[in-house]
Amino acid sequence: ADNIVKDAEAIKNALLLPIDEDEEVEPVPRPWGASLGQSFGGFCTMSYLSLVPNPPRICLLTGGIAPMLTNVDEVYNALRKRVKERNLKYYDRYTGDVD
């Protein structure tokens, strides 16, 4: 997956319009818009997130995630807590979305 990520970055840089190479200006991050990973593509997306300083803005994983060594109950309890926190944060920000 590491080489696939490197190849994807090379393709991205070849497809994007070149930026002015002004030495006084720091380069602007240019991530992909999104990544959809299914099976091995999910593994590649996880590698992308680990290896590239500016990974895709949105990553959707539908499979291919490495095996977990944590008890599934611990994982789902942590997930429920995180989802609840994120929902409360969302509804605090977008109060009009509350029914």
PDB file of N, CA and C in Angstrom:
ATOM      1  N   ALA A   1       0.819  -1.199   0.000  1.00  0.00           N
ATOM      2  CA  ALA A   1       0.000   0.000   0.000  1.00  0.00           C
ATOM      3  C   ALA A   1       0.863   1.263   0.000  1.00  0.00           C
ATOM      4  N   ASP A   2       2.067   1.177   0.577  1.00  0.00           N
ATOM      5  CA  ASP A   2       2.931   2.354   0.623  1.00  0.00           C
ATOM      6  C   ASP A   2       3.247   2.885  -0.774  1.00  0.00           C
ATOM      7  N   ASN A   3       3.568   1.977  -1.698  1.00  0.00           N
ATOM      8  CA  ASN A   3       3.893   2.404  -3.059  1.00  0.00           C
ATOM      9  C   ASN A   3       2.664   2.922  -3.799  1.00  0.00           C
ATOM     10  N   ILE A   4       1.498   2.364  -3.500  1.00  0.00           N
ATOM     11  CA  ILE A   4       0.270   2.862  -4.111  1.00  0.00           C
ATOM     12  C   ILE A   4       0.012   4.295  -3.665  1.00  0.00           C
ATOM     13  N   VAL A   5       0.251   4.581  -2.392  1.00  0.00           N
ATOM     14  CA  VAL A   5       0.093   5.941  -1.871  1.00  0.00           C
ATOM     15  C   VAL A   5       1.076   6.887  -2.569  1.00  0.00           C
ATOM     16  N   LYS A   6       2.329   6.455  -2.708  1.00  0.00           N
ATOM     17  CA  LYS A   6       3.329   7.285  -3.396  1.00  0.00           C
ATOM     18  C   LYS A   6       2.919   7.532  -4.846  1.00  0.00           C
ATOM     19  N   ASP A   7       2.422   6.486  -5.512  1.00  0.00           N
ATOM     20  CA  ASP A   7       1.961   6.644  -6.894  1.00  0.00           C
ATOM     21  C   ASP A   7       0.767   7.599  -6.980  1.00  0.00           C
ATOM     22  N   ALA A   8      -0.164   7.474  -6.039  1.00  0.00           N
ATOM     23  CA  ALA A   8      -1.342   8.350  -6.032  1.00  0.00           C
ATOM     24  C   ALA A   8      -0.930   9.811  -5.849  1.00  0.00           C
ATOM     25  N   GLU A   9       0.048  10.051  -4.981  1.00  0.00           N
ATOM     26  CA  GLU A   9       0.543  11.418  -4.775  1.00  0.00           C
ATOM     27  C   GLU A   9       1.202  11.947  -6.050  1.00  0.00           C
ATOM     28  N   ALA A  10       1.960  11.102  -6.744  1.00  0.00           N
ATOM     29  CA  ALA A  10       2.600  11.517  -7.993  1.00  0.00           C
ATOM     30  C   ALA A  10       1.549  11.850  -9.050  1.00  0.00           C
ATOM     31  N   ILE A  11       0.512  11.018  -9.135  1.00  0.00           N
ATOM     32  CA  ILE A  11      -0.573  11.276 -10.094  1.00  0.00           C
ATOM     33  C   ILE A  11      -1.293  12.569  -9.739  1.00  0.00           C
ATOM     34  N   LYS A  12      -1.591  12.754  -8.444  1.00  0.00           N
ATOM     35  CA  LYS A  12      -2.265  13.985  -7.993  1.00  0.00           C
ATOM     36  C   LYS A  12      -1.457  15.207  -8.393  1.00  0.00           C
ATOM     37  N   ASN A  13      -0.162  15.178  -8.121  1.00  0.00           N
ATOM     38  CA  ASN A  13       0.684  16.328  -8.439  1.00  0.00           C
ATOM     39  C   ASN A  13       0.788  16.570  -9.938  1.00  0.00           C
ATOM     40  N   ALA A  14       0.712  15.499 -10.735  1.00  0.00           N
ATOM     41  CA  ALA A  14       0.753  15.652 -12.193  1.00  0.00           C
ATOM     42  C   ALA A  14      -0.554  16.226 -12.733  1.00  0.00           C
ATOM     43  N   LEU A  15      -1.674  15.905 -12.083  1.00  0.00           N
ATOM     44  CA  LEU A  15      -2.978  16.360 -12.574  1.00  0.00           C
ATOM     45  C   LEU A  15      -3.338  17.770 -12.129  1.00  0.00           C
ATOM     46  N   LEU A  16      -2.871  18.178 -10.973  1.00  0.00           N
ATOM     47  CA  LEU A  16      -3.210  19.504 -10.465  1.00  0.00           C
ATOM     48  C   LEU A  16      -2.446  20.582 -11.222  1.00  0.00           C
ATOM     49  N   LEU A  17      -3.067  21.740 -11.327  1.00  0.00           N
ATOM     50  CA  LEU A  17      -2.396  22.853 -11.983  1.00  0.00           C
ATOM     51  C   LEU A  17      -1.144  23.213 -11.192  1.00  0.00           C
ATOM     52  N   PRO A  18      -0.070  23.552 -11.884  1.00  0.00           N
ATOM     53  CA  PRO A  18       1.140  23.917 -11.151  1.00  0.00           C
ATOM     54  C   PRO A  18       0.936  25.196 -10.352  1.00  0.00           C
ATOM     55  N   ILE A  19       1.670  25.307  -9.254  1.00  0.00           N
ATOM     56  CA  ILE A  19       1.611  26.521  -8.448  1.00  0.00           C
ATOM     57  C   ILE A  19       2.867  27.336  -8.714  1.00  0.00           C
ATOM     58  N   ASP A  20       2.764  28.635  -8.534  1.00  0.00           N
ATOM     59  CA  ASP A  20       3.928  29.488  -8.713  1.00  0.00           C
ATOM     60  C   ASP A  20       4.990  29.091  -7.700  1.00  0.00           C
ATOM     61  N   GLU A  21       6.190  28.972  -8.147  1.00  0.00           N
ATOM     62  CA  GLU A  21       7.275  28.552  -7.260  1.00  0.00           C
ATOM     63  C   GLU A  21       8.020  29.771  -6.737  1.00  0.00           C
ATOM     64  N   ASP A  22       7.336  30.570  -5.943  1.00  0.00           N
ATOM     65  CA  ASP A  22       7.921  31.750  -5.313  1.00  0.00           C
ATOM     66  C   ASP A  22       8.595  31.308  -4.026  1.00  0.00           C
ATOM     67  N   GLU A  23       9.891  31.542  -3.901  1.00  0.00           N
ATOM     68  CA  GLU A  23      10.644  31.053  -2.749  1.00  0.00           C
ATOM     69  C   GLU A  23      10.182  31.674  -1.437  1.00  0.00           C
ATOM     70  N   GLU A  24       9.545  32.841  -1.483  1.00  0.00           N
ATOM     71  CA  GLU A  24       9.131  33.525  -0.263  1.00  0.00           C
ATOM     72  C   GLU A  24       7.790  33.039   0.256  1.00  0.00           C
ATOM     73  N   VAL A  25       7.069  32.305  -0.548  1.00  0.00           N
ATOM     74  CA  VAL A  25       5.741  31.836  -0.160  1.00  0.00           C
ATOM     75  C   VAL A  25       5.804  30.337   0.124  1.00  0.00           C
ATOM     76  N   GLU A  26       5.263  29.939   1.277  1.00  0.00           N
ATOM     77  CA  GLU A  26       5.223  28.517   1.599  1.00  0.00           C
ATOM     78  C   GLU A  26       4.237  27.814   0.679  1.00  0.00           C
ATOM     79  N   PRO A  27       4.549  26.567   0.282  1.00  0.00           N
ATOM     80  CA  PRO A  27       3.616  25.848  -0.586  1.00  0.00           C
ATOM     81  C   PRO A  27       2.283  25.604   0.118  1.00  0.00           C
ATOM     82  N   VAL A  28       1.228  25.671  -0.646  1.00  0.00           N
ATOM     83  CA  VAL A  28      -0.122  25.462  -0.129  1.00  0.00           C
ATOM     84  C   VAL A  28      -0.432  23.973  -0.162  1.00  0.00           C
ATOM     85  N   PRO A  29      -0.945  23.402   0.945  1.00  0.00           N
ATOM     86  CA  PRO A  29      -1.328  21.979   0.919  1.00  0.00           C
ATOM     87  C   PRO A  29      -2.390  21.745  -0.146  1.00  0.00           C
ATOM     88  N   ARG A  30      -2.245  20.659  -0.889  1.00  0.00           N
ATOM     89  CA  ARG A  30      -3.194  20.348  -1.947  1.00  0.00           C
ATOM     90  C   ARG A  30      -3.659  18.900  -1.813  1.00  0.00           C
ATOM     91  N   PRO A  31      -4.533  18.637  -0.835  1.00  0.00           N
ATOM     92  CA  PRO A  31      -4.992  17.250  -0.656  1.00  0.00           C
ATOM     93  C   PRO A  31      -6.023  16.868  -1.711  1.00  0.00           C
ATOM     94  N   TRP A  32      -6.193  15.563  -1.897  1.00  0.00           N
ATOM     95  CA  TRP A  32      -7.295  15.067  -2.708  1.00  0.00           C
ATOM     96  C   TRP A  32      -8.590  15.509  -2.040  1.00  0.00           C
ATOM     97  N   GLY A  33      -9.657  15.575  -2.790  1.00  0.00           N
ATOM     98  CA  GLY A  33     -10.937  15.925  -2.206  1.00  0.00           C
ATOM     99  C   GLY A  33     -11.489  14.814  -1.329  1.00  0.00           C
ATOM    100  N   ALA A  34     -11.395  13.549  -1.808  1.00  0.00           N
ATOM    101  CA  ALA A  34     -11.971  12.448  -1.052  1.00  0.00           C
ATOM    102  C   ALA A  34     -11.321  11.133  -1.461  1.00  0.00           C
ATOM    103  N   SER A  35     -11.468  10.156  -0.577  1.00  0.00           N
ATOM    104  CA  SER A  35     -10.982   8.806  -0.846  1.00  0.00           C
ATOM    105  C   SER A  35     -12.053   7.828  -0.383  1.00  0.00           C
ATOM    106  N   LEU A  36     -12.354   6.857  -1.240  1.00  0.00           N
ATOM    107  CA  LEU A  36     -13.292   5.799  -0.884  1.00  0.00           C
ATOM    108  C   LEU A  36     -12.515   4.489  -0.893  1.00  0.00           C
ATOM    109  N   GLY A  37     -12.436   3.836   0.259  1.00  0.00           N
ATOM    110  CA  GLY A  37     -11.669   2.606   0.359  1.00  0.00           C
ATOM    111  C   GLY A  37     -12.535   1.409   0.673  1.00  0.00           C
ATOM    112  N   GLN A  38     -12.548   0.427  -0.234  1.00  0.00           N
ATOM    113  CA  GLN A  38     -13.266  -0.832  -0.022  1.00  0.00           C
ATOM    114  C   GLN A  38     -12.236  -1.953  -0.067  1.00  0.00           C
ATOM    115  N   SER A  39     -12.232  -2.794   0.918  1.00  0.00           N
ATOM    116  CA  SER A  39     -11.321  -3.920   0.999  1.00  0.00           C
ATOM    117  C   SER A  39      -9.874  -3.420   0.996  1.00  0.00           C
ATOM    118  N   PHE A  40      -9.068  -3.808   0.003  1.00  0.00           N
ATOM    119  CA  PHE A  40      -7.674  -3.358  -0.030  1.00  0.00           C
ATOM    120  C   PHE A  40      -7.594  -1.843  -0.170  1.00  0.00           C
ATOM    121  N   GLY A  41      -8.586  -1.235  -0.820  1.00  0.00           N
ATOM    122  CA  GLY A  41      -8.625   0.226  -0.929  1.00  0.00           C
ATOM    123  C   GLY A  41      -8.758   0.889   0.434  1.00  0.00           C
ATOM    124  N   GLY A  42      -9.452   0.226   1.369  1.00  0.00           N
ATOM    125  CA  GLY A  42      -9.543   0.735   2.736  1.00  0.00           C
ATOM    126  C   GLY A  42      -8.191   0.708   3.417  1.00  0.00           C
ATOM    127  N   PHE A  43      -7.445  -0.352   3.161  1.00  0.00           N
ATOM    128  CA  PHE A  43      -6.090  -0.453   3.703  1.00  0.00           C
ATOM    129  C   PHE A  43      -5.207   0.641   3.107  1.00  0.00           C
ATOM    130  N   CYS A  44      -5.353   0.899   1.809  1.00  0.00           N
ATOM    131  CA  CYS A  44      -4.582   1.974   1.159  1.00  0.00           C
ATOM    132  C   CYS A  44      -4.962   3.329   1.731  1.00  0.00           C
ATOM    133  N   THR A  45      -6.239   3.548   1.991  1.00  0.00           N
ATOM    134  CA  THR A  45      -6.686   4.816   2.576  1.00  0.00           C
ATOM    135  C   THR A  45      -6.100   4.989   3.973  1.00  0.00           C
ATOM    136  N   MET A  46      -6.088   3.926   4.762  1.00  0.00           N
ATOM    137  CA  MET A  46      -5.481   4.010   6.096  1.00  0.00           C
ATOM    138  C   MET A  46      -3.994   4.322   5.983  1.00  0.00           C
ATOM    139  N   SER A  47      -3.326   3.741   5.000  1.00  0.00           N
ATOM    140  CA  SER A  47      -1.904   4.042   4.779  1.00  0.00           C
ATOM    141  C   SER A  47      -1.740   5.502   4.375  1.00  0.00           C
ATOM    142  N   TYR A  48      -2.636   5.979   3.508  1.00  0.00           N
ATOM    143  CA  TYR A  48      -2.601   7.384   3.084  1.00  0.00           C
ATOM    144  C   TYR A  48      -2.668   8.309   4.303  1.00  0.00           C
ATOM    145  N   LEU A  49      -3.583   8.010   5.214  1.00  0.00           N
ATOM    146  CA  LEU A  49      -3.745   8.840   6.408  1.00  0.00           C
ATOM    147  C   LEU A  49      -2.503   8.812   7.287  1.00  0.00           C
ATOM    148  N   SER A  50      -1.758   7.718   7.244  1.00  0.00           N
ATOM    149  CA  SER A  50      -0.569   7.576   8.082  1.00  0.00           C
ATOM    150  C   SER A  50       0.686   8.162   7.453  1.00  0.00           C
ATOM    151  N   LEU A  51       0.755   8.198   6.134  1.00  0.00           N
ATOM    152  CA  LEU A  51       2.012   8.516   5.462  1.00  0.00           C
ATOM    153  C   LEU A  51       2.112   9.914   4.865  1.00  0.00           C
ATOM    154  N   VAL A  52       0.995  10.509   4.495  1.00  0.00           N
ATOM    155  CA  VAL A  52       1.018  11.749   3.729  1.00  0.00           C
ATOM    156  C   VAL A  52       0.657  12.932   4.623  1.00  0.00           C
ATOM    157  N   PRO A  53       1.431  14.030   4.550  1.00  0.00           N
ATOM    158  CA  PRO A  53       1.140  15.171   5.419  1.00  0.00           C
ATOM    159  C   PRO A  53      -0.211  15.834   5.129  1.00  0.00           C
ATOM    160  N   ASN A  54      -0.682  15.771   3.889  1.00  0.00           N
ATOM    161  CA  ASN A  54      -1.975  16.366   3.526  1.00  0.00           C
ATOM    162  C   ASN A  54      -2.836  15.317   2.837  1.00  0.00           C
ATOM    163  N   PRO A  55      -3.412  14.400   3.638  1.00  0.00           N
ATOM    164  CA  PRO A  55      -4.221  13.327   3.047  1.00  0.00           C
ATOM    165  C   PRO A  55      -5.549  13.878   2.527  1.00  0.00           C
ATOM    166  N   PRO A  56      -6.345  13.029   1.885  1.00  0.00           N
ATOM    167  CA  PRO A  56      -7.655  13.485   1.410  1.00  0.00           C
ATOM    168  C   PRO A  56      -8.464  14.138   2.527  1.00  0.00           C
ATOM    169  N   ARG A  57      -9.269  15.127   2.155  1.00  0.00           N
ATOM    170  CA  ARG A  57     -10.086  15.840   3.146  1.00  0.00           C
ATOM    171  C   ARG A  57     -11.157  14.937   3.744  1.00  0.00           C
ATOM    172  N   ILE A  58     -11.678  14.038   2.932  1.00  0.00           N
ATOM    173  CA  ILE A  58     -12.731  13.118   3.371  1.00  0.00           C
ATOM    174  C   ILE A  58     -12.274  11.699   3.039  1.00  0.00           C
ATOM    175  N   CYS A  59     -12.338  10.807   4.014  1.00  0.00           N
ATOM    176  CA  CYS A  59     -11.977   9.411   3.788  1.00  0.00           C
ATOM    177  C   CYS A  59     -13.133   8.531   4.231  1.00  0.00           C
ATOM    178  N   LEU A  60     -13.642   7.741   3.313  1.00  0.00           N
ATOM    179  CA  LEU A  60     -14.733   6.820   3.606  1.00  0.00           C
ATOM    180  C   LEU A  60     -14.187   5.399   3.539  1.00  0.00           C
ATOM    181  N   LEU A  61     -14.331   4.665   4.623  1.00  0.00           N
ATOM    182  CA  LEU A  61     -13.840   3.297   4.690  1.00  0.00           C
ATOM    183  C   LEU A  61     -15.013   2.335   4.735  1.00  0.00           C
ATOM    184  N   THR A  62     -15.031   1.392   3.802  1.00  0.00           N
ATOM    185  CA  THR A  62     -16.102   0.400   3.796  1.00  0.00           C
ATOM    186  C   THR A  62     -15.545  -1.001   3.994  1.00  0.00           C
ATOM    187  N   GLY A  63     -14.279  -1.106   4.329  1.00  0.00           N
ATOM    188  CA  GLY A  63     -13.649  -2.394   4.578  1.00  0.00           C
ATOM    189  C   GLY A  63     -12.146  -2.276   4.485  1.00  0.00           C
ATOM    190  N   GLY A  64     -11.457  -3.345   4.787  1.00  0.00           N
ATOM    191  CA  GLY A  64     -10.016  -3.370   4.657  1.00  0.00           C
ATOM    192  C   GLY A  64      -9.270  -2.775   5.830  1.00  0.00           C
ATOM    193  N   ILE A  65      -9.929  -2.647   6.970  1.00  0.00           N
ATOM    194  CA  ILE A  65      -9.269  -2.105   8.144  1.00  0.00           C
ATOM    195  C   ILE A  65      -8.530  -3.241   8.850  1.00  0.00           C
ATOM    196  N   ALA A  66      -7.347  -2.930   9.322  1.00  0.00           N
ATOM    197  CA  ALA A  66      -6.518  -3.946   9.979  1.00  0.00           C
ATOM    198  C   ALA A  66      -7.244  -4.541  11.184  1.00  0.00           C
ATOM    199  N   PRO A  67      -6.932  -5.802  11.514  1.00  0.00           N
ATOM    200  CA  PRO A  67      -7.583  -6.435  12.666  1.00  0.00           C
ATOM    201  C   PRO A  67      -7.292  -5.679  13.958  1.00  0.00           C
ATOM    202  N   MET A  68      -8.266  -5.681  14.846  1.00  0.00           N
ATOM    203  CA  MET A  68      -8.113  -4.982  16.117  1.00  0.00           C
ATOM    204  C   MET A  68      -7.789  -5.990  17.205  1.00  0.00           C
ATOM    205  N   LEU A  69      -6.956  -5.571  18.126  1.00  0.00           N
ATOM    206  CA  LEU A  69      -6.593  -6.450  19.236  1.00  0.00           C
ATOM    207  C   LEU A  69      -7.337  -6.072  20.511  1.00  0.00           C
ATOM    208  N   THR A  70      -8.262  -5.114  20.381  1.00  0.00           N
ATOM    209  CA  THR A  70      -9.043  -4.643  21.521  1.00  0.00           C
ATOM    210  C   THR A  70     -10.379  -5.371  21.542  1.00  0.00           C
ATOM    211  N   ASN A  71     -10.890  -5.613  22.726  1.00  0.00           N
ATOM    212  CA  ASN A  71     -12.194  -6.234  22.903  1.00  0.00           C
ATOM    213  C   ASN A  71     -13.259  -5.401  22.195  1.00  0.00           C
ATOM    214  N   VAL A  72     -14.147  -6.060  21.480  1.00  0.00           N
ATOM    215  CA  VAL A  72     -15.159  -5.362  20.692  1.00  0.00           C
ATOM    216  C   VAL A  72     -16.081  -4.508  21.564  1.00  0.00           C
ATOM    217  N   ASP A  73     -16.377  -4.951  22.784  1.00  0.00           N
ATOM    218  CA  ASP A  73     -17.228  -4.154  23.676  1.00  0.00           C
ATOM    219  C   ASP A  73     -16.563  -2.823  24.026  1.00  0.00           C
ATOM    220  N   GLU A  74     -15.249  -2.851  24.256  1.00  0.00           N
ATOM    221  CA  GLU A  74     -14.524  -1.617  24.545  1.00  0.00           C
ATOM    222  C   GLU A  74     -14.574  -0.669  23.346  1.00  0.00           C
ATOM    223  N   VAL A  75     -14.421  -1.236  22.166  1.00  0.00           N
ATOM    224  CA  VAL A  75     -14.434  -0.422  20.947  1.00  0.00           C
ATOM    225  C   VAL A  75     -15.796   0.244  20.769  1.00  0.00           C
ATOM    226  N   TYR A  76     -16.881  -0.537  20.879  1.00  0.00           N
ATOM    227  CA  TYR A  76     -18.214   0.030  20.680  1.00  0.00           C
ATOM    228  C   TYR A  76     -18.598   1.002  21.792  1.00  0.00           C
ATOM    229  N   ASN A  77     -18.177   0.750  23.027  1.00  0.00           N
ATOM    230  CA  ASN A  77     -18.441   1.713  24.101  1.00  0.00           C
ATOM    231  C   ASN A  77     -17.732   3.032  23.835  1.00  0.00           C
ATOM    232  N   ALA A  78     -16.489   2.964  23.386  1.00  0.00           N
ATOM    233  CA  ALA A  78     -15.746   4.182  23.048  1.00  0.00           C
ATOM    234  C   ALA A  78     -16.391   4.883  21.857  1.00  0.00           C
ATOM    235  N   LEU A  79     -16.858   4.098  20.865  1.00  0.00           N
ATOM    236  CA  LEU A  79     -17.520   4.674  19.692  1.00  0.00           C
ATOM    237  C   LEU A  79     -18.806   5.393  20.090  1.00  0.00           C
ATOM    238  N   ARG A  80     -19.626   4.742  20.925  1.00  0.00           N
ATOM    239  CA  ARG A  80     -20.879   5.379  21.366  1.00  0.00           C
ATOM    240  C   ARG A  80     -20.594   6.701  22.072  1.00  0.00           C
ATOM    241  N   LYS A  81     -19.598   6.701  22.948  1.00  0.00           N
ATOM    242  CA  LYS A  81     -19.235   7.926  23.667  1.00  0.00           C
ATOM    243  C   LYS A  81     -18.806   9.018  22.683  1.00  0.00           C
ATOM    244  N   ARG A  82     -17.974   8.652  21.723  1.00  0.00           N
ATOM    245  CA  ARG A  82     -17.473   9.621  20.730  1.00  0.00           C
ATOM    246  C   ARG A  82     -18.616  10.155  19.857  1.00  0.00           C
ATOM    247  N   VAL A  83     -19.498   9.278  19.406  1.00  0.00           N
ATOM    248  CA  VAL A  83     -20.624   9.708  18.572  1.00  0.00           C
ATOM    249  C   VAL A  83     -21.525  10.651  19.363  1.00  0.00           C
ATOM    250  N   LYS A  84     -21.799  10.324  20.626  1.00  0.00           N
ATOM    251  CA  LYS A  84     -22.630  11.193  21.466  1.00  0.00           C
ATOM    252  C   LYS A  84     -21.987  12.573  21.612  1.00  0.00           C
ATOM    253  N   GLU A  85     -20.680  12.606  21.910  1.00  0.00           N
ATOM    254  CA  GLU A  85     -19.976  13.886  22.051  1.00  0.00           C
ATOM    255  C   GLU A  85     -20.039  14.702  20.765  1.00  0.00           C
ATOM    256  N   ARG A  86     -19.810  14.041  19.625  1.00  0.00           N
ATOM    257  CA  ARG A  86     -19.814  14.745  18.335  1.00  0.00           C
ATOM    258  C   ARG A  86     -21.224  15.239  17.997  1.00  0.00           C
ATOM    259  N   ASN A  87     -22.253  14.440  18.319  1.00  0.00           N
ATOM    260  CA  ASN A  87     -23.625  14.878  18.068  1.00  0.00           C
ATOM    261  C   ASN A  87     -23.971  16.097  18.920  1.00  0.00           C
ATOM    262  N   LEU A  88     -23.602  16.074  20.197  1.00  0.00           N
ATOM    263  CA  LEU A  88     -23.872  17.222  21.071  1.00  0.00           C
ATOM    264  C   LEU A  88     -23.151  18.471  20.565  1.00  0.00           C
ATOM    265  N   LYS A  89     -21.919  18.290  20.124  1.00  0.00           N
ATOM    266  CA  LYS A  89     -21.148  19.418  19.576  1.00  0.00           C
ATOM    267  C   LYS A  89     -21.825  19.961  18.307  1.00  0.00           C
ATOM    268  N   TYR A  90     -22.293  19.053  17.458  1.00  0.00           N
ATOM    269  CA  TYR A  90     -22.979  19.453  16.229  1.00  0.00           C
ATOM    270  C   TYR A  90     -24.242  20.251  16.544  1.00  0.00           C
ATOM    271  N   TYR A  91     -25.066  19.704  17.432  1.00  0.00           N
ATOM    272  CA  TYR A  91     -26.330  20.376  17.739  1.00  0.00           C
ATOM    273  C   TYR A  91     -26.135  21.673  18.520  1.00  0.00           C
ATOM    274  N   ASP A  92     -25.035  21.799  19.245  1.00  0.00           N
ATOM    275  CA  ASP A  92     -24.713  23.091  19.854  1.00  0.00           C
ATOM    276  C   ASP A  92     -24.409  24.133  18.790  1.00  0.00           C
ATOM    277  N   ARG A  93     -23.764  23.685  17.733  1.00  0.00           N
ATOM    278  CA  ARG A  93     -23.387  24.610  16.660  1.00  0.00           C
ATOM    279  C   ARG A  93     -24.554  24.898  15.717  1.00  0.00           C
ATOM    280  N   TYR A  94     -25.335  23.876  15.404  1.00  0.00           N
ATOM    281  CA  TYR A  94     -26.459  24.009  14.468  1.00  0.00           C
ATOM    282  C   TYR A  94     -27.769  23.759  15.208  1.00  0.00           C
ATOM    283  N   THR A  95     -28.144  24.692  16.029  1.00  0.00           N
ATOM    284  CA  THR A  95     -29.326  24.528  16.888  1.00  0.00           C
ATOM    285  C   THR A  95     -30.608  24.365  16.079  1.00  0.00           C
ATOM    286  N   GLY A  96     -30.647  24.871  14.871  1.00  0.00           N
ATOM    287  CA  GLY A  96     -31.836  24.739  14.032  1.00  0.00           C
ATOM    288  C   GLY A  96     -32.084  23.319  13.546  1.00  0.00           C
ATOM    289  N   ASP A  97     -31.101  22.442  13.668  1.00  0.00           N
ATOM    290  CA  ASP A  97     -31.261  21.061  13.215  1.00  0.00           C
ATOM    291  C   ASP A  97     -31.910  20.165  14.254  1.00  0.00           C
ATOM    292  N   VAL A  98     -32.137  20.687  15.461  1.00  0.00           N
ATOM    293  CA  VAL A  98     -32.757  19.905  16.520  1.00  0.00           C
ATOM    294  C   VAL A  98     -34.263  19.866  16.278  1.00  0.00           C
ATOM    295  N   ASP A  99     -34.828  18.662  16.317  1.00  0.00           N
ATOM    296  CA  ASP A  99     -36.292  18.526  16.115  1.00  0.00           C
ATOM    297  C   ASP A  99     -37.045  18.894  17.359  1.00  0.00           C
TER     298      ASP A  99
END
